[in-house]
Protein backbone atom coordinates (compact mmCIF):
# COMPACT_ATOMS: atom_id res chain seq x y z
CA MET A 1 -0.02 0.02 0.19
CA LEU A 2 1.50 3.89 -0.76
CA ARG A 3 1.86 6.05 1.87
CA THR A 4 -0.70 8.17 0.52
CA GLU A 5 -3.19 5.42 0.84
CA ALA A 6 -2.54 4.76 4.53
CA ILE A 7 -2.71 8.07 5.45
CA ALA A 8 -6.04 8.65 3.79
CA LYS A 9 -7.15 5.24 5.49
CA ALA A 10 -6.07 6.86 8.53
CA PHE A 11 -8.26 9.91 8.31
CA GLU A 12 -11.17 7.97 7.25
CA ALA A 13 -11.01 5.99 10.23
CA ILE A 14 -10.57 8.63 12.76
CA CYS A 15 -13.84 10.11 10.69
CA GLU A 16 -15.83 7.25 11.71
CA GLU A 17 -14.62 6.83 15.16
CA ALA A 18 -15.80 10.62 15.36
CA GLU A 19 -18.92 9.79 13.78
CA LEU A 20 -19.63 7.26 16.47
CA ILE A 21 -19.59 9.07 19.54
CA ASP A 22 -22.61 10.03 20.54
CA ARG A 23 -23.53 14.03 20.66
CA GLU A 24 -26.26 14.24 22.26
CA THR A 25 -24.78 13.85 25.74
CA LEU A 26 -22.15 16.24 25.19
CA PRO A 27 -21.36 20.03 25.77
CA ASP A 28 -22.19 22.51 22.52
CA SER A 29 -18.44 23.13 22.86
CA VAL A 30 -17.32 19.32 22.59
CA LYS A 31 -19.78 18.84 19.78
CA ASN A 32 -18.17 21.30 17.87
CA ARG A 33 -14.31 20.05 18.13
CA ILE A 34 -15.53 16.89 17.13
CA SER A 35 -17.15 18.17 13.88
CA THR A 36 -13.83 20.35 13.31
CA ILE A 37 -12.17 16.81 13.51
CA ILE A 38 -14.90 15.13 11.24
CA SER A 39 -14.35 18.23 8.60
CA ILE A 40 -10.75 18.09 8.92
CA ALA A 41 -10.55 14.31 8.50
CA ARG A 42 -12.63 13.88 5.36
CA HIS A 43 -11.14 17.14 3.79
CA GLN A 44 -7.83 15.30 4.16
CA ASN A 45 -9.13 12.13 2.92
CA ASP A 46 -10.41 13.44 -0.06
CA ILE A 47 -7.35 15.25 -1.20
CA ARG A 48 -5.43 12.08 -0.45
CA ASN A 49 -8.13 10.14 -2.30
CA ALA A 50 -8.17 12.73 -5.34
CA PRO A 51 -6.67 11.61 -8.76
CA LYS A 52 -3.03 13.39 -9.10
CA GLY A 53 -2.86 16.51 -10.82
CA SER A 54 -7.28 17.00 -10.38
CA CYS A 55 -6.76 20.15 -8.13
CA GLU A 56 -7.31 22.92 -9.72
CA ALA A 57 -5.88 25.54 -7.12
CA HIS A 58 -2.49 24.35 -7.79
CA GLN A 59 -2.47 24.36 -11.55
CA THR A 60 -0.06 26.92 -13.05
CA PRO A 61 -2.18 29.33 -15.47
């Protein structure tokens, strides 16, 4: 497995575990932190699984 794939799987696992947390019993500040963790992990997972050269932000005109 390529290192990028391993990192993507790690971020996917972070998302899955964070989504299992029962947020109904937590204070709003903790809920917000969990949402931030999930958002960052999803973003990183999406980036790592994107085809090379697909990010328009890094293309030169």
